[in-house]
């Protein structure tokens, strides 16, 4: 990575079937066309290889995000731009109970 280039990471989050992986691949293709090195990582692969012992409690989800961030930091230092597509729990998209009728 040239000294003038800034490192960046792109995260796509959403519900299952929302198109995160599709959009990630399109963005990766465009960045590669612009001669940037990219690394795609899907949330399923993270759960399978990096965080397989974790459950889905808030503490475990936070630890999973922390691990992904650590990988992203190392990847960015290696002149590669990480692109992530991660599932968000349905709870993250639901309104607080105070807004429910």
C-alpha atoms as a PDB file:
ATOM      1  CA  UNK A   1       0.000   0.000   0.000  1.00  0.00           C
ATOM      2  CA  UNK A   2       1.414   3.374  -0.976  1.00  0.00           C
ATOM      3  CA  UNK A   3       2.083   5.821   1.838  1.00  0.00           C
ATOM      4  CA  UNK A   4      -0.664   8.073   0.453  1.00  0.00           C
ATOM      5  CA  UNK A   5      -3.263   5.253   0.514  1.00  0.00           C
ATOM      6  CA  UNK A   6      -5.507   4.927   3.526  1.00  0.00           C
ATOM      7  CA  UNK A   7      -6.401   1.530   4.905  1.00  0.00           C
ATOM      8  CA  UNK A   8     -10.110   0.760   5.174  1.00  0.00           C
ATOM      9  CA  UNK A   9     -12.470  -2.043   6.063  1.00  0.00           C
ATOM     10  CA  UNK A  10     -15.984  -2.482   4.673  1.00  0.00           C
ATOM     11  CA  UNK A  11     -18.655  -4.226   6.749  1.00  0.00           C
ATOM     12  CA  UNK A  12     -22.080  -5.216   5.461  1.00  0.00           C
ATOM     13  CA  UNK A  13     -24.527  -6.329   8.145  1.00  0.00           C
ATOM     14  CA  UNK A  14     -28.134  -7.376   7.848  1.00  0.00           C
ATOM     15  CA  UNK A  15     -30.602 -10.175   8.201  1.00  0.00           C
ATOM     16  CA  UNK A  16     -30.248 -13.523   6.464  1.00  0.00           C
ATOM     17  CA  UNK A  17     -31.013 -13.268   2.746  1.00  0.00           C
ATOM     18  CA  UNK A  18     -30.625  -9.472   2.630  1.00  0.00           C
ATOM     19  CA  UNK A  19     -27.908  -9.598  -0.050  1.00  0.00           C
ATOM     20  CA  UNK A  20     -24.812  -8.946   2.068  1.00  0.00           C
ATOM     21  CA  UNK A  21     -22.650 -11.543   0.317  1.00  0.00           C
ATOM     22  CA  UNK A  22     -23.839 -10.490  -3.140  1.00  0.00           C
ATOM     23  CA  UNK A  23     -23.017  -6.844  -2.483  1.00  0.00           C
ATOM     24  CA  UNK A  24     -19.687  -7.797  -0.887  1.00  0.00           C
ATOM     25  CA  UNK A  25     -18.649  -9.673  -4.022  1.00  0.00           C
ATOM     26  CA  UNK A  26     -19.669  -6.760  -6.253  1.00  0.00           C
ATOM     27  CA  UNK A  27     -17.705  -4.261  -4.150  1.00  0.00           C
ATOM     28  CA  UNK A  28     -14.684  -6.593  -4.033  1.00  0.00           C
ATOM     29  CA  UNK A  29     -14.750  -6.920  -7.825  1.00  0.00           C
ATOM     30  CA  UNK A  30     -14.806  -3.144  -8.255  1.00  0.00           C
ATOM     31  CA  UNK A  31     -11.952  -2.622  -5.800  1.00  0.00           C
ATOM     32  CA  UNK A  32      -9.883  -5.308  -7.519  1.00  0.00           C
ATOM     33  CA  UNK A  33     -10.599  -3.619 -10.860  1.00  0.00           C
ATOM     34  CA  UNK A  34      -9.032  -0.522  -9.281  1.00  0.00           C
ATOM     35  CA  UNK A  35      -5.928  -2.607  -8.420  1.00  0.00           C
ATOM     36  CA  UNK A  36      -6.642  -2.857  -4.697  1.00  0.00           C
ATOM     37  CA  UNK A  37      -6.066  -6.065  -2.779  1.00  0.00           C
ATOM     38  CA  UNK A  38      -9.189  -7.243  -0.999  1.00  0.00           C
ATOM     39  CA  UNK A  39     -10.093 -10.111   1.278  1.00  0.00           C
ATOM     40  CA  UNK A  40     -13.687 -11.287   1.559  1.00  0.00           C
ATOM     41  CA  UNK A  41     -14.798 -12.948   4.768  1.00  0.00           C
ATOM     42  CA  UNK A  42     -18.328 -14.145   5.367  1.00  0.00           C
ATOM     43  CA  UNK A  43     -19.883 -14.400   8.824  1.00  0.00           C
ATOM     44  CA  UNK A  44     -20.512 -18.136   8.346  1.00  0.00           C
ATOM     45  CA  UNK A  45     -16.787 -18.715   7.767  1.00  0.00           C
ATOM     46  CA  UNK A  46     -15.948 -16.698  10.884  1.00  0.00           C
ATOM     47  CA  UNK A  47     -18.335 -18.764  12.998  1.00  0.00           C
ATOM     48  CA  UNK A  48     -16.942 -21.989  11.546  1.00  0.00           C
ATOM     49  CA  UNK A  49     -13.200 -21.230  11.754  1.00  0.00           C
ATOM     50  CA  UNK A  50     -12.567 -18.348  14.157  1.00  0.00           C
ATOM     51  CA  UNK A  51     -15.358 -18.468  16.716  1.00  0.00           C
ATOM     52  CA  UNK A  52     -16.766 -21.987  16.580  1.00  0.00           C
ATOM     53  CA  UNK A  53     -16.848 -22.322  20.378  1.00  0.00           C
ATOM     54  CA  UNK A  54     -18.982 -19.206  20.828  1.00  0.00           C
ATOM     55  CA  UNK A  55     -22.727 -19.094  21.249  1.00  0.00           C
ATOM     56  CA  UNK A  56     -25.049 -16.194  20.513  1.00  0.00           C
ATOM     57  CA  UNK A  57     -25.238 -14.471  23.886  1.00  0.00           C
ATOM     58  CA  UNK A  58     -24.456 -10.738  23.893  1.00  0.00           C
ATOM     59  CA  UNK A  59     -21.032 -11.434  25.434  1.00  0.00           C
ATOM     60  CA  UNK A  60     -20.207 -14.032  22.777  1.00  0.00           C
ATOM     61  CA  UNK A  61     -21.425 -11.810  19.933  1.00  0.00           C
ATOM     62  CA  UNK A  62     -19.260  -8.975  21.285  1.00  0.00           C
ATOM     63  CA  UNK A  63     -16.230 -11.290  21.480  1.00  0.00           C
ATOM     64  CA  UNK A  64     -16.886 -12.458  17.914  1.00  0.00           C
ATOM     65  CA  UNK A  65     -16.882  -8.819  16.701  1.00  0.00           C
ATOM     66  CA  UNK A  66     -13.693  -8.160  18.677  1.00  0.00           C
ATOM     67  CA  UNK A  67     -11.972 -11.103  16.965  1.00  0.00           C
ATOM     68  CA  UNK A  68     -13.078  -9.976  13.523  1.00  0.00           C
ATOM     69  CA  UNK A  69     -11.789  -6.464  14.275  1.00  0.00           C
ATOM     70  CA  UNK A  70      -8.426  -7.888  15.276  1.00  0.00           C
ATOM     71  CA  UNK A  71      -8.179  -9.831  12.011  1.00  0.00           C
ATOM     72  CA  UNK A  72      -9.219  -6.696  10.081  1.00  0.00           C
ATOM     73  CA  UNK A  73      -6.502  -4.605  11.746  1.00  0.00           C
ATOM     74  CA  UNK A  74      -3.817  -7.115  10.802  1.00  0.00           C
ATOM     75  CA  UNK A  75      -5.169  -7.500   7.282  1.00  0.00           C
ATOM     76  CA  UNK A  76      -5.202  -3.725   6.748  1.00  0.00           C
ATOM     77  CA  UNK A  77      -1.581  -3.454   7.873  1.00  0.00           C
ATOM     78  CA  UNK A  78      -0.729  -6.003   5.181  1.00  0.00           C
ATOM     79  CA  UNK A  79      -2.033  -3.630   2.476  1.00  0.00           C
ATOM     80  CA  UNK A  80      -5.214  -5.638   1.993  1.00  0.00           C
ATOM     81  CA  UNK A  81      -8.686  -4.159   2.380  1.00  0.00           C
ATOM     82  CA  UNK A  82     -11.040  -6.453   4.315  1.00  0.00           C
ATOM     83  CA  UNK A  83     -14.667  -6.755   3.207  1.00  0.00           C
ATOM     84  CA  UNK A  84     -17.012  -8.461   5.660  1.00  0.00           C
ATOM     85  CA  UNK A  85     -20.583  -9.676   5.389  1.00  0.00           C
ATOM     86  CA  UNK A  86     -21.954 -10.452   8.824  1.00  0.00           C
ATOM     87  CA  UNK A  87     -25.388 -11.524  10.016  1.00  0.00           C
ATOM     88  CA  UNK A  88     -27.090  -9.197  12.456  1.00  0.00           C
ATOM     89  CA  UNK A  89     -29.441 -10.698  14.977  1.00  0.00           C
ATOM     90  CA  UNK A  90     -33.091  -9.943  14.405  1.00  0.00           C
ATOM     91  CA  UNK A  91     -33.097  -8.308  17.850  1.00  0.00           C
ATOM     92  CA  UNK A  92     -30.733  -5.598  16.552  1.00  0.00           C
ATOM     93  CA  UNK A  93     -33.431  -4.534  14.082  1.00  0.00           C
ATOM     94  CA  UNK A  94     -36.433  -4.668  16.381  1.00  0.00           C
ATOM     95  CA  UNK A  95     -37.731  -1.491  17.986  1.00  0.00           C
ATOM     96  CA  UNK A  96     -37.314  -1.141  21.737  1.00  0.00           C
ATOM     97  CA  UNK A  97     -40.275  -2.487  23.719  1.00  0.00           C
ATOM     98  CA  UNK A  98     -41.172   1.080  24.679  1.00  0.00           C
ATOM     99  CA  UNK A  99     -42.105   1.706  21.014  1.00  0.00           C
ATOM    100  CA  UNK A 100     -44.268  -1.390  20.669  1.00  0.00           C
ATOM    101  CA  UNK A 101     -48.026  -0.941  20.848  1.00  0.00           C
END
